[in-house]
N, C-alpha and C. Protein backbone atom coordinates (compact mmCIF):
# COMPACT_ATOMS: atom_id res chain seq x y z
N UNK A 1 -14.50 46.19 -18.84
CA UNK A 1 -15.76 45.86 -19.47
C UNK A 1 -15.63 44.95 -20.67
N UNK A 2 -14.67 45.25 -21.50
CA UNK A 2 -14.46 44.48 -22.73
C UNK A 2 -14.05 42.98 -22.33
N UNK A 3 -13.25 42.96 -21.29
CA UNK A 3 -12.77 41.62 -20.83
C UNK A 3 -13.98 40.79 -20.35
N UNK A 4 -14.85 41.44 -19.58
CA UNK A 4 -16.08 40.74 -19.11
C UNK A 4 -16.96 40.26 -20.23
N UNK A 5 -17.09 41.09 -21.27
CA UNK A 5 -17.90 40.67 -22.43
C UNK A 5 -17.26 39.50 -23.14
N UNK A 6 -15.95 39.51 -23.26
CA UNK A 6 -15.22 38.42 -23.94
C UNK A 6 -15.35 37.13 -23.15
N UNK A 7 -15.28 37.23 -21.81
CA UNK A 7 -15.44 36.04 -20.97
C UNK A 7 -16.83 35.46 -21.11
N UNK A 8 -17.82 36.34 -21.09
CA UNK A 8 -19.24 35.84 -21.27
C UNK A 8 -19.43 35.22 -22.64
N UNK A 9 -18.84 35.75 -23.68
CA UNK A 9 -18.94 35.17 -24.96
C UNK A 9 -18.30 33.80 -25.01
N UNK A 10 -17.17 33.65 -24.39
CA UNK A 10 -16.43 32.37 -24.37
C UNK A 10 -17.33 31.37 -23.57
N UNK A 11 -17.86 31.81 -22.48
CA UNK A 11 -18.69 30.87 -21.69
C UNK A 11 -19.90 30.38 -22.54
N UNK A 12 -20.56 31.30 -23.25
CA UNK A 12 -21.65 30.93 -24.09
C UNK A 12 -21.24 29.96 -25.21
N UNK A 13 -20.09 30.19 -25.74
CA UNK A 13 -19.59 29.31 -26.82
C UNK A 13 -19.34 27.90 -26.27
N UNK A 14 -18.70 27.75 -25.11
CA UNK A 14 -18.51 26.49 -24.48
C UNK A 14 -19.79 25.80 -24.13
N UNK A 15 -20.77 26.59 -23.70
CA UNK A 15 -22.07 25.95 -23.42
C UNK A 15 -22.69 25.39 -24.71
N UNK A 16 -22.58 26.10 -25.76
CA UNK A 16 -23.12 25.59 -27.04
C UNK A 16 -22.40 24.32 -27.43
N UNK A 17 -21.08 24.33 -27.33
CA UNK A 17 -20.29 23.08 -27.66
C UNK A 17 -20.73 21.91 -26.83
N UNK A 18 -20.90 22.14 -25.53
CA UNK A 18 -21.37 21.06 -24.63
C UNK A 18 -22.70 20.54 -25.03
N UNK A 19 -23.65 21.45 -25.34
CA UNK A 19 -25.00 21.07 -25.72
C UNK A 19 -24.97 20.25 -27.01
N UNK A 20 -24.12 20.56 -27.95
CA UNK A 20 -23.97 19.86 -29.20
C UNK A 20 -23.28 18.44 -28.96
N UNK A 21 -22.23 18.44 -28.11
CA UNK A 21 -21.45 17.23 -27.95
C UNK A 21 -22.08 16.15 -27.07
N UNK A 22 -22.81 16.60 -26.03
CA UNK A 22 -23.37 15.63 -25.11
C UNK A 22 -24.23 14.51 -25.77
N UNK A 23 -25.23 14.88 -26.56
CA UNK A 23 -26.03 13.79 -27.14
C UNK A 23 -25.22 12.92 -28.10
N UNK A 24 -24.32 13.48 -28.80
CA UNK A 24 -23.50 12.75 -29.76
C UNK A 24 -22.60 11.76 -29.02
N UNK A 25 -21.96 12.25 -27.97
CA UNK A 25 -21.04 11.44 -27.12
C UNK A 25 -21.86 10.24 -26.59
N UNK A 26 -23.03 10.58 -26.03
CA UNK A 26 -23.83 9.49 -25.44
C UNK A 26 -24.29 8.49 -26.52
N UNK A 27 -24.80 8.93 -27.54
CA UNK A 27 -25.29 8.01 -28.62
C UNK A 27 -24.19 7.21 -29.28
N UNK A 28 -22.97 7.81 -29.39
CA UNK A 28 -21.90 7.14 -30.08
C UNK A 28 -21.11 6.17 -29.19
N UNK A 29 -20.89 6.54 -27.94
CA UNK A 29 -19.99 5.70 -27.10
C UNK A 29 -20.64 4.86 -26.01
N UNK A 30 -21.86 5.23 -25.57
CA UNK A 30 -22.52 4.48 -24.52
C UNK A 30 -23.01 3.14 -25.05
N UNK A 31 -22.63 2.06 -24.33
CA UNK A 31 -23.02 0.74 -24.80
C UNK A 31 -24.03 0.10 -23.86
N UNK A 32 -24.59 0.88 -22.90
CA UNK A 32 -25.54 0.31 -21.97
C UNK A 32 -24.99 -0.03 -20.64
N UNK A 33 -23.62 -0.11 -20.55
CA UNK A 33 -22.94 -0.44 -19.30
C UNK A 33 -21.78 0.49 -19.00
N UNK A 34 -21.05 0.88 -20.03
CA UNK A 34 -19.88 1.72 -19.89
C UNK A 34 -19.68 2.43 -21.23
N UNK A 35 -18.69 3.34 -21.24
CA UNK A 35 -18.36 4.07 -22.51
C UNK A 35 -17.28 3.34 -23.30
N UNK A 36 -17.57 3.11 -24.54
CA UNK A 36 -16.60 2.42 -25.44
C UNK A 36 -15.36 3.32 -25.63
N UNK A 37 -14.22 2.66 -25.93
CA UNK A 37 -13.01 3.33 -26.20
C UNK A 37 -13.11 4.35 -27.34
N UNK A 38 -13.76 3.91 -28.39
CA UNK A 38 -14.02 4.74 -29.54
C UNK A 38 -15.23 4.26 -30.27
N UNK A 39 -15.54 4.88 -31.38
CA UNK A 39 -16.76 4.57 -32.09
C UNK A 39 -16.59 3.54 -33.19
N UNK A 40 -15.36 3.21 -33.59
CA UNK A 40 -15.18 2.36 -34.76
C UNK A 40 -14.36 1.14 -34.57
N UNK A 41 -13.45 1.07 -33.64
CA UNK A 41 -12.50 -0.04 -33.56
C UNK A 41 -13.10 -1.34 -33.09
N UNK A 42 -14.21 -1.29 -32.40
CA UNK A 42 -14.79 -2.47 -31.80
C UNK A 42 -14.04 -3.01 -30.55
N UNK A 43 -13.15 -2.20 -30.05
CA UNK A 43 -12.28 -2.58 -28.89
C UNK A 43 -13.19 -2.90 -27.71
N UNK A 44 -12.84 -3.92 -26.99
CA UNK A 44 -13.61 -4.28 -25.80
C UNK A 44 -12.84 -3.87 -24.52
N UNK A 45 -11.93 -2.90 -24.70
CA UNK A 45 -11.15 -2.39 -23.55
C UNK A 45 -11.98 -1.43 -22.76
N UNK A 46 -11.96 -1.67 -21.45
CA UNK A 46 -12.59 -0.78 -20.49
C UNK A 46 -11.52 0.10 -19.93
N UNK A 47 -11.57 1.46 -20.20
CA UNK A 47 -10.62 2.34 -19.71
C UNK A 47 -11.00 2.84 -18.29
N UNK A 48 -10.05 2.78 -17.36
CA UNK A 48 -10.33 3.20 -16.02
C UNK A 48 -10.65 4.66 -15.92
N UNK A 49 -10.12 5.47 -16.82
CA UNK A 49 -10.31 6.91 -16.76
C UNK A 49 -11.35 7.40 -17.72
N UNK A 50 -12.30 6.57 -18.10
CA UNK A 50 -13.34 6.97 -19.07
C UNK A 50 -14.24 8.04 -18.59
N UNK A 51 -14.26 8.26 -17.30
CA UNK A 51 -15.14 9.33 -16.69
C UNK A 51 -14.31 10.48 -16.18
N UNK A 52 -13.13 10.64 -16.68
CA UNK A 52 -12.30 11.74 -16.23
C UNK A 52 -12.90 13.10 -16.41
N UNK A 53 -13.44 13.29 -17.60
CA UNK A 53 -14.18 14.56 -17.86
C UNK A 53 -15.29 14.85 -16.93
N UNK A 54 -16.07 13.79 -16.66
CA UNK A 54 -17.20 13.93 -15.72
C UNK A 54 -16.71 14.24 -14.31
N UNK A 55 -15.62 13.59 -13.92
CA UNK A 55 -15.02 13.82 -12.59
C UNK A 55 -14.62 15.30 -12.46
N UNK A 56 -13.91 15.78 -13.44
CA UNK A 56 -13.44 17.19 -13.36
C UNK A 56 -14.62 18.15 -13.50
N UNK A 57 -15.61 17.84 -14.26
CA UNK A 57 -16.79 18.73 -14.37
C UNK A 57 -17.46 18.84 -13.04
N UNK A 58 -17.58 17.73 -12.29
CA UNK A 58 -18.23 17.77 -11.01
C UNK A 58 -17.29 18.48 -9.98
N UNK A 59 -16.06 18.21 -10.06
CA UNK A 59 -15.08 18.87 -9.11
C UNK A 59 -15.11 20.37 -9.28
N UNK A 60 -15.28 20.79 -10.53
CA UNK A 60 -15.30 22.25 -10.79
C UNK A 60 -16.72 22.83 -10.76
N UNK A 61 -17.69 22.02 -10.36
CA UNK A 61 -19.07 22.42 -10.32
C UNK A 61 -19.65 22.92 -11.69
N UNK A 62 -19.21 22.23 -12.73
CA UNK A 62 -19.70 22.52 -14.07
C UNK A 62 -20.85 21.55 -14.43
N UNK A 63 -21.57 21.79 -15.47
CA UNK A 63 -22.62 20.86 -15.86
C UNK A 63 -22.13 19.44 -16.11
N UNK A 64 -22.91 18.44 -15.83
CA UNK A 64 -22.55 17.07 -16.12
C UNK A 64 -22.38 16.83 -17.59
N UNK A 65 -21.46 15.93 -17.92
CA UNK A 65 -21.16 15.55 -19.30
C UNK A 65 -21.98 14.35 -19.68
N UNK A 66 -22.20 13.47 -18.74
CA UNK A 66 -22.94 12.26 -19.00
C UNK A 66 -24.07 12.13 -18.00
N UNK A 67 -25.15 11.39 -18.26
CA UNK A 67 -26.20 11.19 -17.28
C UNK A 67 -25.70 10.47 -16.01
N UNK A 68 -26.24 10.83 -14.86
CA UNK A 68 -25.80 10.30 -13.62
C UNK A 68 -25.90 8.78 -13.57
N UNK A 69 -26.97 8.18 -14.07
CA UNK A 69 -27.11 6.72 -14.08
C UNK A 69 -26.04 6.07 -14.99
N UNK A 70 -25.68 6.66 -15.99
CA UNK A 70 -24.59 6.15 -16.84
C UNK A 70 -23.24 6.21 -16.16
N UNK A 71 -23.01 7.31 -15.52
CA UNK A 71 -21.76 7.51 -14.73
C UNK A 71 -21.69 6.43 -13.67
N UNK A 72 -22.74 6.22 -12.94
CA UNK A 72 -22.76 5.14 -11.88
C UNK A 72 -22.46 3.79 -12.45
N UNK A 73 -23.11 3.44 -13.56
CA UNK A 73 -22.92 2.10 -14.19
C UNK A 73 -21.51 1.99 -14.70
N UNK A 74 -21.00 3.01 -15.40
CA UNK A 74 -19.59 2.90 -15.94
C UNK A 74 -18.62 2.85 -14.75
N UNK A 75 -18.82 3.61 -13.75
CA UNK A 75 -17.92 3.59 -12.60
C UNK A 75 -17.87 2.16 -11.92
N UNK A 76 -19.03 1.58 -11.81
CA UNK A 76 -19.14 0.28 -11.25
C UNK A 76 -18.45 -0.76 -12.12
N UNK A 77 -18.59 -0.64 -13.45
CA UNK A 77 -17.95 -1.50 -14.38
C UNK A 77 -16.45 -1.38 -14.29
N UNK A 78 -15.94 -0.16 -14.17
CA UNK A 78 -14.52 0.05 -14.06
C UNK A 78 -14.02 -0.52 -12.78
N UNK A 79 -14.69 -0.32 -11.68
CA UNK A 79 -14.31 -0.87 -10.42
C UNK A 79 -14.25 -2.40 -10.47
N UNK A 80 -15.34 -3.02 -10.99
CA UNK A 80 -15.42 -4.44 -11.06
C UNK A 80 -14.39 -5.12 -11.96
N UNK A 81 -14.19 -4.48 -13.15
CA UNK A 81 -13.33 -5.07 -14.14
C UNK A 81 -11.86 -4.71 -13.92
N UNK A 82 -11.58 -3.39 -13.82
CA UNK A 82 -10.20 -2.89 -13.76
C UNK A 82 -9.57 -3.03 -12.37
N UNK A 83 -10.36 -3.16 -11.38
CA UNK A 83 -9.82 -3.31 -9.99
C UNK A 83 -10.03 -4.73 -9.47
N UNK A 84 -11.31 -5.15 -9.25
CA UNK A 84 -11.51 -6.44 -8.62
C UNK A 84 -11.01 -7.61 -9.40
N UNK A 85 -11.07 -7.58 -10.73
CA UNK A 85 -10.65 -8.65 -11.55
C UNK A 85 -9.19 -8.64 -12.00
N UNK A 86 -8.50 -7.58 -11.54
CA UNK A 86 -7.06 -7.42 -11.89
C UNK A 86 -6.20 -7.69 -10.71
N UNK A 87 -5.37 -8.71 -10.78
CA UNK A 87 -4.43 -9.06 -9.75
C UNK A 87 -5.05 -9.19 -8.38
N UNK A 88 -6.20 -9.82 -8.37
CA UNK A 88 -6.95 -10.03 -7.09
C UNK A 88 -7.17 -8.76 -6.27
N UNK A 89 -7.32 -7.65 -6.95
CA UNK A 89 -7.57 -6.36 -6.21
C UNK A 89 -6.46 -6.01 -5.25
N UNK A 90 -5.20 -6.38 -5.60
CA UNK A 90 -4.13 -6.13 -4.70
C UNK A 90 -3.25 -4.93 -5.18
N UNK A 91 -3.36 -4.49 -6.41
CA UNK A 91 -2.53 -3.39 -6.91
C UNK A 91 -3.23 -2.09 -7.06
N UNK A 92 -4.46 -2.10 -7.36
CA UNK A 92 -5.24 -0.93 -7.71
C UNK A 92 -5.92 -1.16 -9.08
N UNK A 93 -6.58 -0.24 -9.58
CA UNK A 93 -7.32 -0.35 -10.89
C UNK A 93 -6.29 -0.20 -12.03
N UNK A 94 -6.20 -1.19 -12.87
CA UNK A 94 -5.36 -1.09 -14.03
C UNK A 94 -5.92 -0.06 -15.03
N UNK A 95 -5.07 0.59 -15.75
CA UNK A 95 -5.46 1.65 -16.66
C UNK A 95 -6.52 1.15 -17.70
N UNK A 96 -6.39 -0.08 -18.16
CA UNK A 96 -7.35 -0.64 -19.19
C UNK A 96 -7.28 -2.11 -19.10
N UNK A 97 -8.45 -2.75 -19.25
CA UNK A 97 -8.57 -4.21 -19.26
C UNK A 97 -9.73 -4.54 -20.18
N UNK A 98 -9.55 -5.64 -20.93
CA UNK A 98 -10.60 -6.09 -21.80
C UNK A 98 -11.73 -6.66 -21.02
N UNK A 99 -12.92 -6.63 -21.58
CA UNK A 99 -14.10 -7.16 -20.90
C UNK A 99 -13.98 -8.62 -20.56
N UNK A 100 -13.26 -9.36 -21.42
CA UNK A 100 -13.08 -10.78 -21.14
C UNK A 100 -11.96 -11.08 -20.19
N UNK A 101 -11.31 -10.06 -19.65
CA UNK A 101 -10.27 -10.10 -18.64
C UNK A 101 -8.96 -10.59 -19.23
N UNK A 102 -8.91 -10.67 -20.60
CA UNK A 102 -7.65 -11.05 -21.26
C UNK A 102 -6.72 -9.83 -21.12
N UNK A 103 -5.51 -10.05 -20.61
CA UNK A 103 -4.59 -8.96 -20.37
C UNK A 103 -4.05 -8.43 -21.66
N UNK A 104 -3.85 -7.16 -21.78
CA UNK A 104 -3.25 -6.56 -22.92
C UNK A 104 -1.76 -6.90 -22.97
N UNK A 105 -1.26 -6.92 -24.21
CA UNK A 105 0.19 -7.15 -24.37
C UNK A 105 0.92 -5.85 -23.89
N UNK A 106 2.15 -6.02 -23.46
CA UNK A 106 2.88 -4.90 -22.89
C UNK A 106 3.18 -3.84 -23.97
N UNK A 107 3.17 -4.23 -25.23
CA UNK A 107 3.46 -3.25 -26.32
C UNK A 107 2.17 -2.66 -26.86
N UNK A 108 1.06 -2.87 -26.23
CA UNK A 108 -0.25 -2.38 -26.78
C UNK A 108 -0.36 -0.92 -26.39
N UNK A 109 -1.39 -0.28 -26.91
CA UNK A 109 -1.64 1.13 -26.60
C UNK A 109 -2.08 1.35 -25.19
N UNK A 110 -2.40 0.23 -24.50
CA UNK A 110 -2.89 0.31 -23.13
C UNK A 110 -2.14 -0.70 -22.27
N UNK A 111 -0.89 -0.47 -21.97
CA UNK A 111 -0.03 -1.45 -21.23
C UNK A 111 -0.61 -1.60 -19.86
N UNK A 112 -0.40 -2.77 -19.27
CA UNK A 112 -0.89 -3.03 -17.92
C UNK A 112 -0.10 -2.27 -16.92
N UNK A 113 -0.69 -1.28 -16.33
CA UNK A 113 -0.08 -0.45 -15.33
C UNK A 113 -1.18 0.12 -14.43
N UNK A 114 -0.84 0.37 -13.21
CA UNK A 114 -1.79 1.03 -12.24
C UNK A 114 -1.21 2.42 -11.96
N UNK A 115 -1.90 3.40 -12.47
CA UNK A 115 -1.47 4.78 -12.31
C UNK A 115 -1.99 5.31 -10.91
N UNK A 116 -1.07 5.72 -10.11
CA UNK A 116 -1.43 6.13 -8.74
C UNK A 116 -2.46 7.27 -8.80
N UNK A 117 -2.10 8.32 -9.53
CA UNK A 117 -3.01 9.51 -9.61
C UNK A 117 -4.34 9.24 -10.12
N UNK A 118 -4.41 8.37 -11.17
CA UNK A 118 -5.69 7.98 -11.75
C UNK A 118 -6.48 7.22 -10.73
N UNK A 119 -5.90 6.33 -9.96
CA UNK A 119 -6.59 5.59 -8.94
C UNK A 119 -7.10 6.44 -7.79
N UNK A 120 -6.34 7.49 -7.35
CA UNK A 120 -6.82 8.34 -6.34
C UNK A 120 -8.03 9.21 -6.84
N UNK A 121 -7.92 9.65 -8.12
CA UNK A 121 -9.01 10.34 -8.69
C UNK A 121 -10.26 9.42 -8.79
N UNK A 122 -10.07 8.19 -9.22
CA UNK A 122 -11.17 7.24 -9.28
C UNK A 122 -11.77 7.01 -7.92
N UNK A 123 -10.91 6.88 -6.93
CA UNK A 123 -11.45 6.71 -5.51
C UNK A 123 -12.24 7.92 -5.06
N UNK A 124 -11.78 9.10 -5.40
CA UNK A 124 -12.54 10.33 -5.05
C UNK A 124 -13.88 10.32 -5.72
N UNK A 125 -13.92 9.90 -6.97
CA UNK A 125 -15.17 9.84 -7.68
C UNK A 125 -16.15 8.80 -7.19
N UNK A 126 -15.55 7.67 -6.74
CA UNK A 126 -16.37 6.62 -6.09
C UNK A 126 -17.03 7.21 -4.83
N UNK A 127 -16.29 7.98 -4.03
CA UNK A 127 -16.82 8.61 -2.87
C UNK A 127 -17.92 9.55 -3.23
N UNK A 128 -17.64 10.36 -4.25
CA UNK A 128 -18.68 11.35 -4.68
C UNK A 128 -19.98 10.65 -5.07
N UNK A 129 -19.88 9.53 -5.74
CA UNK A 129 -21.08 8.79 -6.16
C UNK A 129 -21.64 7.80 -5.14
N UNK A 130 -21.16 7.86 -3.91
CA UNK A 130 -21.69 7.09 -2.81
C UNK A 130 -21.10 5.70 -2.59
N UNK A 131 -20.03 5.45 -3.31
CA UNK A 131 -19.42 4.08 -3.15
C UNK A 131 -18.17 4.15 -2.31
N UNK A 132 -18.40 4.49 -0.99
CA UNK A 132 -17.26 4.76 -0.13
C UNK A 132 -16.48 3.55 0.18
N UNK A 133 -17.13 2.40 0.42
CA UNK A 133 -16.36 1.20 0.76
C UNK A 133 -15.44 0.85 -0.41
N UNK A 134 -15.98 0.92 -1.63
CA UNK A 134 -15.15 0.59 -2.78
C UNK A 134 -14.00 1.58 -2.86
N UNK A 135 -14.24 2.85 -2.62
CA UNK A 135 -13.19 3.82 -2.71
C UNK A 135 -12.05 3.53 -1.73
N UNK A 136 -12.38 3.18 -0.50
CA UNK A 136 -11.36 2.90 0.47
C UNK A 136 -10.60 1.63 0.16
N UNK A 137 -11.28 0.60 -0.38
CA UNK A 137 -10.62 -0.66 -0.82
C UNK A 137 -9.56 -0.37 -1.92
N UNK A 138 -9.95 0.46 -2.87
CA UNK A 138 -9.13 0.84 -3.96
C UNK A 138 -7.89 1.70 -3.44
N UNK A 139 -8.20 2.64 -2.65
CA UNK A 139 -7.14 3.46 -2.11
C UNK A 139 -6.16 2.67 -1.28
N UNK A 140 -6.66 1.75 -0.43
CA UNK A 140 -5.77 0.92 0.38
C UNK A 140 -4.84 0.12 -0.48
N UNK A 141 -5.31 -0.50 -1.59
CA UNK A 141 -4.49 -1.30 -2.47
C UNK A 141 -3.36 -0.49 -3.01
N UNK A 142 -3.63 0.71 -3.49
CA UNK A 142 -2.55 1.52 -4.10
C UNK A 142 -1.60 1.99 -3.00
N UNK A 143 -2.05 2.49 -1.90
CA UNK A 143 -1.19 2.95 -0.78
C UNK A 143 -0.30 1.79 -0.34
N UNK A 144 -0.85 0.60 -0.20
CA UNK A 144 -0.08 -0.53 0.21
C UNK A 144 1.07 -0.87 -0.74
N UNK A 145 0.79 -0.77 -2.04
CA UNK A 145 1.77 -1.00 -3.06
C UNK A 145 2.94 0.04 -2.96
N UNK A 146 2.57 1.26 -2.75
CA UNK A 146 3.57 2.30 -2.66
C UNK A 146 4.45 2.10 -1.39
N UNK A 147 3.80 1.93 -0.27
CA UNK A 147 4.54 1.77 0.97
C UNK A 147 5.25 0.43 1.16
N UNK A 148 4.64 -0.59 0.79
CA UNK A 148 5.24 -1.89 0.92
C UNK A 148 6.40 -2.16 -0.08
N UNK A 149 6.44 -1.38 -1.13
CA UNK A 149 7.54 -1.45 -2.09
C UNK A 149 8.56 -0.41 -1.80
N UNK A 150 8.44 0.31 -0.75
CA UNK A 150 9.45 1.35 -0.40
C UNK A 150 9.45 2.57 -1.31
N UNK A 151 8.32 2.86 -1.85
CA UNK A 151 8.26 3.98 -2.88
C UNK A 151 7.68 5.27 -2.32
N UNK A 152 7.49 5.30 -1.02
CA UNK A 152 6.72 6.44 -0.45
C UNK A 152 7.44 7.79 -0.65
N UNK A 153 8.73 7.77 -0.81
CA UNK A 153 9.43 9.04 -1.01
C UNK A 153 9.84 9.27 -2.48
N UNK A 154 9.30 8.44 -3.34
CA UNK A 154 9.47 8.59 -4.81
C UNK A 154 8.29 7.95 -5.48
N UNK A 155 7.13 8.40 -5.10
CA UNK A 155 5.86 7.86 -5.56
C UNK A 155 5.89 7.80 -7.10
N UNK A 156 5.65 6.59 -7.63
CA UNK A 156 5.64 6.42 -9.06
C UNK A 156 4.38 6.88 -9.75
N UNK A 157 4.49 7.14 -11.03
CA UNK A 157 3.28 7.42 -11.85
C UNK A 157 2.50 6.15 -12.01
N UNK A 158 3.16 5.03 -12.12
CA UNK A 158 2.48 3.75 -12.37
C UNK A 158 3.27 2.61 -11.89
N UNK A 159 2.53 1.54 -11.49
CA UNK A 159 3.12 0.29 -10.92
C UNK A 159 2.62 -0.79 -11.85
N UNK A 160 3.44 -1.74 -12.19
CA UNK A 160 3.08 -2.86 -12.99
C UNK A 160 2.85 -4.13 -12.22
N UNK A 161 2.16 -5.17 -12.78
CA UNK A 161 1.91 -6.36 -12.06
C UNK A 161 3.16 -7.18 -11.80
N UNK A 162 4.23 -6.87 -12.57
CA UNK A 162 5.49 -7.63 -12.37
C UNK A 162 6.45 -6.97 -11.37
N UNK A 163 5.94 -5.89 -10.72
CA UNK A 163 6.71 -5.29 -9.68
C UNK A 163 7.61 -4.09 -10.14
N UNK A 164 7.53 -3.74 -11.40
CA UNK A 164 8.26 -2.62 -11.81
C UNK A 164 7.47 -1.36 -11.69
N UNK A 165 8.10 -0.22 -11.85
CA UNK A 165 7.37 1.07 -11.76
C UNK A 165 8.00 1.98 -12.75
N UNK A 166 7.29 3.10 -13.07
CA UNK A 166 7.80 4.07 -13.92
C UNK A 166 7.61 5.49 -13.38
N UNK A 167 8.50 6.33 -13.79
CA UNK A 167 8.40 7.77 -13.48
C UNK A 167 8.22 8.03 -12.02
N UNK A 168 9.26 7.74 -11.21
CA UNK A 168 9.24 8.03 -9.80
C UNK A 168 9.19 9.56 -9.60
N UNK A 169 8.81 9.98 -8.41
CA UNK A 169 8.70 11.37 -8.00
C UNK A 169 7.59 12.05 -8.84
N UNK A 170 6.61 11.31 -9.25
CA UNK A 170 5.57 11.81 -10.04
C UNK A 170 4.49 12.52 -9.22
N UNK A 171 4.04 13.64 -9.72
CA UNK A 171 3.08 14.48 -8.93
C UNK A 171 1.60 13.98 -9.14
N UNK A 172 1.39 13.05 -10.01
CA UNK A 172 0.06 12.55 -10.24
C UNK A 172 -0.54 12.01 -8.93
N UNK A 173 0.25 11.44 -8.11
CA UNK A 173 -0.24 10.85 -6.83
C UNK A 173 -0.86 11.95 -5.90
N UNK A 174 -0.61 13.19 -6.22
CA UNK A 174 -1.25 14.29 -5.44
C UNK A 174 -2.74 14.22 -5.64
N UNK A 175 -3.23 13.40 -6.55
CA UNK A 175 -4.65 13.16 -6.72
C UNK A 175 -5.32 12.69 -5.44
N UNK A 176 -4.57 12.18 -4.55
CA UNK A 176 -5.12 11.71 -3.29
C UNK A 176 -5.86 12.87 -2.56
N UNK A 177 -5.38 14.12 -2.87
CA UNK A 177 -6.08 15.25 -2.25
C UNK A 177 -7.53 15.44 -2.79
N UNK A 178 -7.84 14.84 -3.91
CA UNK A 178 -9.23 14.93 -4.42
C UNK A 178 -10.11 14.10 -3.45
N UNK A 179 -9.61 13.02 -2.91
CA UNK A 179 -10.37 12.21 -1.96
C UNK A 179 -10.71 13.12 -0.73
N UNK A 180 -9.70 13.75 -0.26
CA UNK A 180 -9.87 14.69 0.94
C UNK A 180 -10.92 15.73 0.62
N UNK A 181 -10.83 16.29 -0.62
CA UNK A 181 -11.74 17.39 -0.99
C UNK A 181 -13.18 16.90 -1.02
N UNK A 182 -13.43 15.71 -1.63
CA UNK A 182 -14.86 15.21 -1.66
C UNK A 182 -15.34 14.96 -0.23
N UNK A 183 -14.45 14.44 0.62
CA UNK A 183 -14.97 14.17 1.98
C UNK A 183 -15.22 15.51 2.69
N UNK A 184 -14.36 16.51 2.52
CA UNK A 184 -14.61 17.76 3.22
C UNK A 184 -15.83 18.46 2.70
N UNK A 185 -16.04 18.37 1.37
CA UNK A 185 -17.21 19.01 0.77
C UNK A 185 -18.52 18.32 1.06
N UNK A 186 -18.47 17.01 1.18
CA UNK A 186 -19.73 16.20 1.23
C UNK A 186 -19.89 15.34 2.46
N UNK A 187 -18.97 15.50 3.37
CA UNK A 187 -19.10 14.73 4.65
C UNK A 187 -18.85 13.30 4.43
């Protein structure tokens, strides 16, 4: 009984935090098209994983963190900028890219790399939001990179535009199962 009461108290506390944080998050980071990296730097970097929290909230059937129309707009911006405008959509969505398509330096906080797990999660979210063609195009680009580079038995965490990779045998690529889950749950 005590455990049940403590769980309910924790749930209520998290609900309160979410109610407090949502309007602040929206007012501070939403720029009308996507979510800014932060509130003060003025960075024009579009992060491919800016909707990671929203993705997991929906996957776990929790309340939305951001409005649906903002999620759709941000996801389209990520797809257009980080995938279509990066390496001719041949590698996958890069982790971060500036809005003016100027590539980040390799020593920056957002080096140019395509994270396999992030891309599969992004594809699953595209499917969830009704952008199936885009999801399959993104998935195909990443899968081709892995298989055409002979990495299928040591799937890397990330692939770079110069053909290098890091952290082989990485389990992040198991994110591909999120695609399967959305399809099974939603047809």
